[in-house]
Each structure stands twice: as C-alpha cells, then as structure tokens.
Amino acid sequence: MYVRFTVDGIPKEASTRRQWDINRWDQKEGKAIGTKEDVKTLNAFLESLTTKVNSYKTELFNKGIPVSSVDLINFIMVVQ
C-alpha cells in the first residue's frame, strides 16, 4: 500500500510497507472491507496515520511553515 500527497499540484508517494488484497479494499471509502481482525488492524493503522499527518500539517500551519508534499512524505517515513 502506498500513500500519496499532492500539495500545490506536486504529488509524492511513499510505501506504508503493508500489503492488502485488492478484492478486500473499498476504493471509494479508502479502507479495508470486512470484520476480521486483520481488517480492523489495517483500518486502525490508516486512521492513526491520517490523524498524525493532519496534526503535523496543523502544527506546521500554526508555526507559519509552508507545507510541502516532500515534508509530509518525510514525516510519514519517521512515524511508521
């Protein structure tokens, strides 16, 4: 699985170091489908990652630091 950030039209991608069966993925919702423990674990990981990225963006914004897609990718690589 990969994450992609686009800031000011500049996209950057990074691996989450996770794999998932495409038949068990809801593209529209952006999360795994099902009720098994592996689904819950993956969805919790993705929610946590989203929350951390949003907090980081808010922190940069509050400090007046411009946010770039490279900054977000570098942040993801550290918090995984």
PDB file of N, CA and C in Angstrom:
ATOM      1  N   MET A   1       0.842  -1.166   0.000  1.00  0.00           N
ATOM      2  CA  MET A   1       0.000   0.000   0.000  1.00  0.00           C
ATOM      3  C   MET A   1       0.893   1.236   0.000  1.00  0.00           C
ATOM      4  N   TYR A   2       0.426   2.239  -0.717  1.00  0.00           N
ATOM      5  CA  TYR A   2       1.142   3.491  -0.807  1.00  0.00           C
ATOM      6  C   TYR A   2       0.251   4.634  -0.341  1.00  0.00           C
ATOM      7  N   VAL A   3       0.888   5.683   0.152  1.00  0.00           N
ATOM      8  CA  VAL A   3       0.184   6.928   0.430  1.00  0.00           C
ATOM      9  C   VAL A   3       0.663   7.936  -0.594  1.00  0.00           C
ATOM     10  N   ARG A   4      -0.226   8.828  -0.962  1.00  0.00           N
ATOM     11  CA  ARG A   4       0.138   9.875  -1.912  1.00  0.00           C
ATOM     12  C   ARG A   4      -0.349  11.210  -1.369  1.00  0.00           C
ATOM     13  N   PHE A   5       0.541  12.181  -1.390  1.00  0.00           N
ATOM     14  CA  PHE A   5       0.190  13.538  -1.012  1.00  0.00           C
ATOM     15  C   PHE A   5       0.424  14.431  -2.214  1.00  0.00           C
ATOM     16  N   THR A   6      -0.517  15.324  -2.454  1.00  0.00           N
ATOM     17  CA  THR A   6      -0.352  16.317  -3.508  1.00  0.00           C
ATOM     18  C   THR A   6      -0.529  17.679  -2.865  1.00  0.00           C
ATOM     19  N   VAL A   7       0.518  18.488  -2.928  1.00  0.00           N
ATOM     20  CA  VAL A   7       0.484  19.838  -2.390  1.00  0.00           C
ATOM     21  C   VAL A   7       0.897  20.772  -3.506  1.00  0.00           C
ATOM     22  N   ASP A   8       0.066  21.766  -3.787  1.00  0.00           N
ATOM     23  CA  ASP A   8       0.319  22.717  -4.875  1.00  0.00           C
ATOM     24  C   ASP A   8       0.591  22.001  -6.192  1.00  0.00           C
ATOM     25  N   GLY A   9      -0.133  20.922  -6.440  1.00  0.00           N
ATOM     26  CA  GLY A   9      -0.010  20.187  -7.686  1.00  0.00           C
ATOM     27  C   GLY A   9       1.192  19.268  -7.783  1.00  0.00           C
ATOM     28  N   ILE A  10       1.965  19.157  -6.707  1.00  0.00           N
ATOM     29  CA  ILE A  10       3.160  18.309  -6.707  1.00  0.00           C
ATOM     30  C   ILE A  10       2.857  17.040  -5.921  1.00  0.00           C
ATOM     31  N   PRO A  11       2.724  15.892  -6.635  1.00  0.00           N
ATOM     32  CA  PRO A  11       2.425  14.636  -5.938  1.00  0.00           C
ATOM     33  C   PRO A  11       3.702  13.913  -5.495  1.00  0.00           C
ATOM     34  N   LYS A  12       3.618  13.292  -4.341  1.00  0.00           N
ATOM     35  CA  LYS A  12       4.713  12.450  -3.826  1.00  0.00           C
ATOM     36  C   LYS A  12       4.074  11.213  -3.214  1.00  0.00           C
ATOM     37  N   GLU A  13       4.750  10.061  -3.392  1.00  0.00           N
ATOM     38  CA  GLU A  13       4.250   8.794  -2.863  1.00  0.00           C
ATOM     39  C   GLU A  13       5.284   8.141  -1.967  1.00  0.00           C
ATOM     40  N   ALA A  14       4.775   7.317  -1.045  1.00  0.00           N
ATOM     41  CA  ALA A  14       5.654   6.516  -0.183  1.00  0.00           C
ATOM     42  C   ALA A  14       4.934   5.232   0.180  1.00  0.00           C
ATOM     43  N   SER A  15       5.691   4.198   0.398  1.00  0.00           N
ATOM     44  CA  SER A  15       5.139   2.912   0.794  1.00  0.00           C
ATOM     45  C   SER A  15       4.815   2.915   2.279  1.00  0.00           C
ATOM     46  N   THR A  16       3.714   2.269   2.628  1.00  0.00           N
ATOM     47  CA  THR A  16       3.369   2.082   4.038  1.00  0.00           C
ATOM     48  C   THR A  16       3.983   0.789   4.567  1.00  0.00           C
ATOM     49  N   ARG A  17       4.648   0.052   3.677  1.00  0.00           N
ATOM     50  CA  ARG A  17       5.244  -1.250   3.997  1.00  0.00           C
ATOM     51  C   ARG A  17       4.172  -2.274   4.389  1.00  0.00           C
ATOM     52  N   ARG A  18       2.991  -2.100   3.843  1.00  0.00           N
ATOM     53  CA  ARG A  18       1.886  -3.021   4.087  1.00  0.00           C
ATOM     54  C   ARG A  18       1.358  -3.516   2.741  1.00  0.00           C
ATOM     55  N   GLN A  19       0.808  -4.720   2.742  1.00  0.00           N
ATOM     56  CA  GLN A  19       0.179  -5.270   1.545  1.00  0.00           C
ATOM     57  C   GLN A  19      -1.265  -5.620   1.877  1.00  0.00           C
ATOM     58  N   TRP A  20      -2.117  -5.568   0.841  1.00  0.00           N
ATOM     59  CA  TRP A  20      -3.520  -5.880   1.048  1.00  0.00           C
ATOM     60  C   TRP A  20      -4.116  -6.405  -0.247  1.00  0.00           C
ATOM     61  N   ASP A  21      -5.040  -7.352  -0.126  1.00  0.00           N
ATOM     62  CA  ASP A  21      -5.746  -7.919  -1.276  1.00  0.00           C
ATOM     63  C   ASP A  21      -6.723  -6.882  -1.832  1.00  0.00           C
ATOM     64  N   ILE A  22      -6.577  -6.577  -3.103  1.00  0.00           N
ATOM     65  CA  ILE A  22      -7.425  -5.559  -3.730  1.00  0.00           C
ATOM     66  C   ILE A  22      -8.908  -5.916  -3.683  1.00  0.00           C
ATOM     67  N   ASN A  23      -9.219  -7.211  -3.614  1.00  0.00           N
ATOM     68  CA  ASN A  23     -10.617  -7.642  -3.539  1.00  0.00           C
ATOM     69  C   ASN A  23     -11.239  -7.366  -2.173  1.00  0.00           C
ATOM     70  N   ARG A  24     -10.394  -7.015  -1.202  1.00  0.00           N
ATOM     71  CA  ARG A  24     -10.890  -6.700   0.144  1.00  0.00           C
ATOM     72  C   ARG A  24     -10.693  -5.220   0.465  1.00  0.00           C
ATOM     73  N   TRP A  25     -10.703  -4.382  -0.581  1.00  0.00           N
ATOM     74  CA  TRP A  25     -10.458  -2.960  -0.426  1.00  0.00           C
ATOM     75  C   TRP A  25     -11.617  -2.159  -1.010  1.00  0.00           C
ATOM     76  N   ASP A  26     -12.083  -1.167  -0.272  1.00  0.00           N
ATOM     77  CA  ASP A  26     -13.132  -0.257  -0.742  1.00  0.00           C
ATOM     78  C   ASP A  26     -12.457   1.015  -1.231  1.00  0.00           C
ATOM     79  N   GLN A  27     -12.349   1.138  -2.546  1.00  0.00           N
ATOM     80  CA  GLN A  27     -11.647   2.282  -3.143  1.00  0.00           C
ATOM     81  C   GLN A  27     -12.314   3.608  -2.775  1.00  0.00           C
ATOM     82  N   LYS A  28     -13.637   3.623  -2.801  1.00  0.00           N
ATOM     83  CA  LYS A  28     -14.378   4.856  -2.506  1.00  0.00           C
ATOM     84  C   LYS A  28     -14.149   5.321  -1.068  1.00  0.00           C
ATOM     85  N   GLU A  29     -14.193   4.378  -0.134  1.00  0.00           N
ATOM     86  CA  GLU A  29     -14.022   4.712   1.282  1.00  0.00           C
ATOM     87  C   GLU A  29     -12.558   4.825   1.687  1.00  0.00           C
ATOM     88  N   GLY A  30     -11.685   4.210   0.906  1.00  0.00           N
ATOM     89  CA  GLY A  30     -10.259   4.239   1.230  1.00  0.00           C
ATOM     90  C   GLY A  30      -9.905   3.411   2.449  1.00  0.00           C
ATOM     91  N   LYS A  31     -10.567   2.258   2.570  1.00  0.00           N
ATOM     92  CA  LYS A  31     -10.277   1.392   3.710  1.00  0.00           C
ATOM     93  C   LYS A  31     -10.571  -0.062   3.368  1.00  0.00           C
ATOM     94  N   ALA A  32     -10.109  -0.944   4.230  1.00  0.00           N
ATOM     95  CA  ALA A  32     -10.301  -2.379   4.044  1.00  0.00           C
ATOM     96  C   ALA A  32     -11.748  -2.756   4.336  1.00  0.00           C
ATOM     97  N   ILE A  33     -12.203  -3.818   3.664  1.00  0.00           N
ATOM     98  CA  ILE A  33     -13.573  -4.304   3.806  1.00  0.00           C
ATOM     99  C   ILE A  33     -13.576  -5.584   4.645  1.00  0.00           C
ATOM    100  N   GLY A  34     -14.500  -5.673   5.582  1.00  0.00           N
ATOM    101  CA  GLY A  34     -14.658  -6.898   6.350  1.00  0.00           C
ATOM    102  C   GLY A  34     -14.719  -6.643   7.837  1.00  0.00           C
ATOM    103  N   THR A  35     -14.782  -7.753   8.586  1.00  0.00           N
ATOM    104  CA  THR A  35     -14.891  -7.654  10.042  1.00  0.00           C
ATOM    105  C   THR A  35     -13.804  -8.441  10.762  1.00  0.00           C
ATOM    106  N   LYS A  36     -12.913  -9.080  10.003  1.00  0.00           N
ATOM    107  CA  LYS A  36     -11.840  -9.856  10.626  1.00  0.00           C
ATOM    108  C   LYS A  36     -10.844  -8.926  11.317  1.00  0.00           C
ATOM    109  N   GLU A  37     -10.038  -9.521  12.167  1.00  0.00           N
ATOM    110  CA  GLU A  37      -9.074  -8.748  12.952  1.00  0.00           C
ATOM    111  C   GLU A  37      -8.056  -8.020  12.063  1.00  0.00           C
ATOM    112  N   ASP A  38      -7.644  -8.672  10.954  1.00  0.00           N
ATOM    113  CA  ASP A  38      -6.667  -8.025  10.079  1.00  0.00           C
ATOM    114  C   ASP A  38      -7.239  -6.756   9.444  1.00  0.00           C
ATOM    115  N   VAL A  39      -8.532  -6.752   9.170  1.00  0.00           N
ATOM    116  CA  VAL A  39      -9.202  -5.570   8.615  1.00  0.00           C
ATOM    117  C   VAL A  39      -9.204  -4.451   9.651  1.00  0.00           C
ATOM    118  N   LYS A  40      -9.581  -4.811  10.866  1.00  0.00           N
ATOM    119  CA  LYS A  40      -9.625  -3.816  11.945  1.00  0.00           C
ATOM    120  C   LYS A  40      -8.242  -3.228  12.199  1.00  0.00           C
ATOM    121  N   THR A  41      -7.231  -4.064  12.168  1.00  0.00           N
ATOM    122  CA  THR A  41      -5.861  -3.607  12.406  1.00  0.00           C
ATOM    123  C   THR A  41      -5.401  -2.647  11.318  1.00  0.00           C
ATOM    124  N   LEU A  42      -5.653  -3.015  10.058  1.00  0.00           N
ATOM    125  CA  LEU A  42      -5.243  -2.142   8.954  1.00  0.00           C
ATOM    126  C   LEU A  42      -5.985  -0.819   8.995  1.00  0.00           C
ATOM    127  N   ASN A  43      -7.290  -0.857   9.188  1.00  0.00           N
ATOM    128  CA  ASN A  43      -8.072   0.383   9.226  1.00  0.00           C
ATOM    129  C   ASN A  43      -7.656   1.270  10.402  1.00  0.00           C
ATOM    130  N   ALA A  44      -7.321   0.675  11.533  1.00  0.00           N
ATOM    131  CA  ALA A  44      -6.843   1.455  12.679  1.00  0.00           C
ATOM    132  C   ALA A  44      -5.499   2.107  12.353  1.00  0.00           C
ATOM    133  N   PHE A  45      -4.630   1.358  11.684  1.00  0.00           N
ATOM    134  CA  PHE A  45      -3.334   1.907  11.260  1.00  0.00           C
ATOM    135  C   PHE A  45      -3.536   3.097  10.330  1.00  0.00           C
ATOM    136  N   LEU A  46      -4.424   2.951   9.348  1.00  0.00           N
ATOM    137  CA  LEU A  46      -4.671   4.033   8.388  1.00  0.00           C
ATOM    138  C   LEU A  46      -5.285   5.253   9.065  1.00  0.00           C
ATOM    139  N   GLU A  47      -6.200   5.036  10.008  1.00  0.00           N
ATOM    140  CA  GLU A  47      -6.785   6.152  10.757  1.00  0.00           C
ATOM    141  C   GLU A  47      -5.735   6.880  11.580  1.00  0.00           C
ATOM    142  N   SER A  48      -4.883   6.104  12.226  1.00  0.00           N
ATOM    143  CA  SER A  48      -3.814   6.679  13.034  1.00  0.00           C
ATOM    144  C   SER A  48      -2.861   7.506  12.173  1.00  0.00           C
ATOM    145  N   LEU A  49      -2.513   6.973  11.025  1.00  0.00           N
ATOM    146  CA  LEU A  49      -1.619   7.679  10.108  1.00  0.00           C
ATOM    147  C   LEU A  49      -2.251   8.987   9.643  1.00  0.00           C
ATOM    148  N   THR A  50      -3.531   8.934   9.313  1.00  0.00           N
ATOM    149  CA  THR A  50      -4.253  10.129   8.878  1.00  0.00           C
ATOM    150  C   THR A  50      -4.280  11.179   9.978  1.00  0.00           C
ATOM    151  N   THR A  51      -4.551  10.744  11.197  1.00  0.00           N
ATOM    152  CA  THR A  51      -4.600  11.667  12.331  1.00  0.00           C
ATOM    153  C   THR A  51      -3.240  12.318  12.563  1.00  0.00           C
ATOM    154  N   LYS A  52      -2.171  11.523  12.499  1.00  0.00           N
ATOM    155  CA  LYS A  52      -0.824  12.063  12.702  1.00  0.00           C
ATOM    156  C   LYS A  52      -0.450  13.070  11.624  1.00  0.00           C
ATOM    157  N   VAL A  53      -0.785  12.771  10.380  1.00  0.00           N
ATOM    158  CA  VAL A  53      -0.472  13.688   9.284  1.00  0.00           C
ATOM    159  C   VAL A  53      -1.259  14.987   9.440  1.00  0.00           C
ATOM    160  N   ASN A  54      -2.532  14.884   9.767  1.00  0.00           N
ATOM    161  CA  ASN A  54      -3.348  16.093   9.958  1.00  0.00           C
ATOM    162  C   ASN A  54      -2.828  16.938  11.114  1.00  0.00           C
ATOM    163  N   SER A  55      -2.393  16.302  12.192  1.00  0.00           N
ATOM    164  CA  SER A  55      -1.821  17.044  13.326  1.00  0.00           C
ATOM    165  C   SER A  55      -0.527  17.736  12.921  1.00  0.00           C
ATOM    166  N   TYR A  56       0.287  17.035  12.144  1.00  0.00           N
ATOM    167  CA  TYR A  56       1.554  17.604  11.674  1.00  0.00           C
ATOM    168  C   TYR A  56       1.294  18.808  10.764  1.00  0.00           C
ATOM    169  N   LYS A  57       0.340  18.667   9.851  1.00  0.00           N
ATOM    170  CA  LYS A  57       0.000  19.787   8.966  1.00  0.00           C
ATOM    171  C   LYS A  57      -0.468  20.993   9.769  1.00  0.00           C
ATOM    172  N   THR A  58      -1.310  20.746  10.776  1.00  0.00           N
ATOM    173  CA  THR A  58      -1.817  21.829  11.622  1.00  0.00           C
ATOM    174  C   THR A  58      -0.681  22.497  12.380  1.00  0.00           C
ATOM    175  N   GLU A  59       0.240  21.670  12.887  1.00  0.00           N
ATOM    176  CA  GLU A  59       1.399  22.201  13.615  1.00  0.00           C
ATOM    177  C   GLU A  59       2.237  23.108  12.712  1.00  0.00           C
ATOM    178  N   LEU A  60       2.519  22.665  11.510  1.00  0.00           N
ATOM    179  CA  LEU A  60       3.295  23.491  10.574  1.00  0.00           C
ATOM    180  C   LEU A  60       2.552  24.771  10.239  1.00  0.00           C
ATOM    181  N   PHE A  61       1.260  24.657   9.980  1.00  0.00           N
ATOM    182  CA  PHE A  61       0.441  25.816   9.640  1.00  0.00           C
ATOM    183  C   PHE A  61       0.448  26.838  10.779  1.00  0.00           C
ATOM    184  N   ASN A  62       0.288  26.362  12.018  1.00  0.00           N
ATOM    185  CA  ASN A  62       0.262  27.263  13.174  1.00  0.00           C
ATOM    186  C   ASN A  62       1.598  27.959  13.394  1.00  0.00           C
ATOM    187  N   LYS A  63       2.678  27.320  12.971  1.00  0.00           N
ATOM    188  CA  LYS A  63       4.007  27.923  13.086  1.00  0.00           C
ATOM    189  C   LYS A  63       4.354  28.798  11.882  1.00  0.00           C
ATOM    190  N   GLY A  64       3.447  28.839  10.905  1.00  0.00           N
ATOM    191  CA  GLY A  64       3.687  29.642   9.717  1.00  0.00           C
ATOM    192  C   GLY A  64       4.680  29.014   8.745  1.00  0.00           C
ATOM    193  N   ILE A  65       4.861  27.707   8.857  1.00  0.00           N
ATOM    194  CA  ILE A  65       5.800  26.987   7.988  1.00  0.00           C
ATOM    195  C   ILE A  65       5.022  26.425   6.799  1.00  0.00           C
ATOM    196  N   PRO A  66       5.457  26.712   5.586  1.00  0.00           N
ATOM    197  CA  PRO A  66       4.760  26.160   4.416  1.00  0.00           C
ATOM    198  C   PRO A  66       4.833  24.630   4.401  1.00  0.00           C
ATOM    199  N   VAL A  67       3.747  24.006   3.983  1.00  0.00           N
ATOM    200  CA  VAL A  67       3.669  22.547   3.922  1.00  0.00           C
ATOM    201  C   VAL A  67       3.938  22.109   2.491  1.00  0.00           C
ATOM    202  N   SER A  68       4.821  21.120   2.342  1.00  0.00           N
ATOM    203  CA  SER A  68       5.079  20.560   1.012  1.00  0.00           C
ATOM    204  C   SER A  68       4.808  19.060   1.048  1.00  0.00           C
ATOM    205  N   SER A  69       4.590  18.489  -0.114  1.00  0.00           N
ATOM    206  CA  SER A  69       4.360  17.045  -0.190  1.00  0.00           C
ATOM    207  C   SER A  69       5.596  16.282   0.267  1.00  0.00           C
ATOM    208  N   VAL A  70       6.773  16.823   0.027  1.00  0.00           N
ATOM    209  CA  VAL A  70       8.019  16.185   0.470  1.00  0.00           C
ATOM    210  C   VAL A  70       8.077  16.161   1.998  1.00  0.00           C
ATOM    211  N   ASP A  71       7.682  17.249   2.644  1.00  0.00           N
ATOM    212  CA  ASP A  71       7.647  17.297   4.113  1.00  0.00           C
ATOM    213  C   ASP A  71       6.723  16.216   4.674  1.00  0.00           C
ATOM    214  N   LEU A  72       5.567  16.052   4.050  1.00  0.00           N
ATOM    215  CA  LEU A  72       4.600  15.067   4.531  1.00  0.00           C
ATOM    216  C   LEU A  72       5.118  13.635   4.345  1.00  0.00           C
ATOM    217  N   ILE A  73       5.755  13.382   3.206  1.00  0.00           N
ATOM    218  CA  ILE A  73       6.327  12.059   2.959  1.00  0.00           C
ATOM    219  C   ILE A  73       7.447  11.782   3.972  1.00  0.00           C
ATOM    220  N   ASN A  74       8.309  12.750   4.207  1.00  0.00           N
ATOM    221  CA  ASN A  74       9.381  12.568   5.190  1.00  0.00           C
ATOM    222  C   ASN A  74       8.801  12.304   6.576  1.00  0.00           C
ATOM    223  N   PHE A  75       7.748  12.993   6.928  1.00  0.00           N
ATOM    224  CA  PHE A  75       7.094  12.779   8.203  1.00  0.00           C
ATOM    225  C   PHE A  75       6.556  11.350   8.301  1.00  0.00           C
ATOM    226  N   ILE A  76       5.900  10.879   7.241  1.00  0.00           N
ATOM    227  CA  ILE A  76       5.345   9.520   7.214  1.00  0.00           C
ATOM    228  C   ILE A  76       6.450   8.481   7.421  1.00  0.00           C
ATOM    229  N   MET A  77       7.587   8.697   6.801  1.00  0.00           N
ATOM    230  CA  MET A  77       8.677   7.732   6.911  1.00  0.00           C
ATOM    231  C   MET A  77       9.193   7.619   8.359  1.00  0.00           C
ATOM    232  N   VAL A  78       9.074   8.686   9.119  1.00  0.00           N
ATOM    233  CA  VAL A  78       9.533   8.698  10.504  1.00  0.00           C
ATOM    234  C   VAL A  78       8.514   8.055  11.440  1.00  0.00           C
ATOM    235  N   VAL A  79       7.219   8.334  11.251  1.00  0.00           N
ATOM    236  CA  VAL A  79       6.213   7.883  12.207  1.00  0.00           C
ATOM    237  C   VAL A  79       5.717   6.462  11.990  1.00  0.00           C
ATOM    238  N   GLN A  80       6.083   5.832  10.897  1.00  0.00           N
ATOM    239  CA  GLN A  80       5.594   4.469  10.658  1.00  0.00           C
ATOM    240  C   GLN A  80       6.133   3.534  11.669  1.00  0.00           C
TER     241      GLN A  80
END
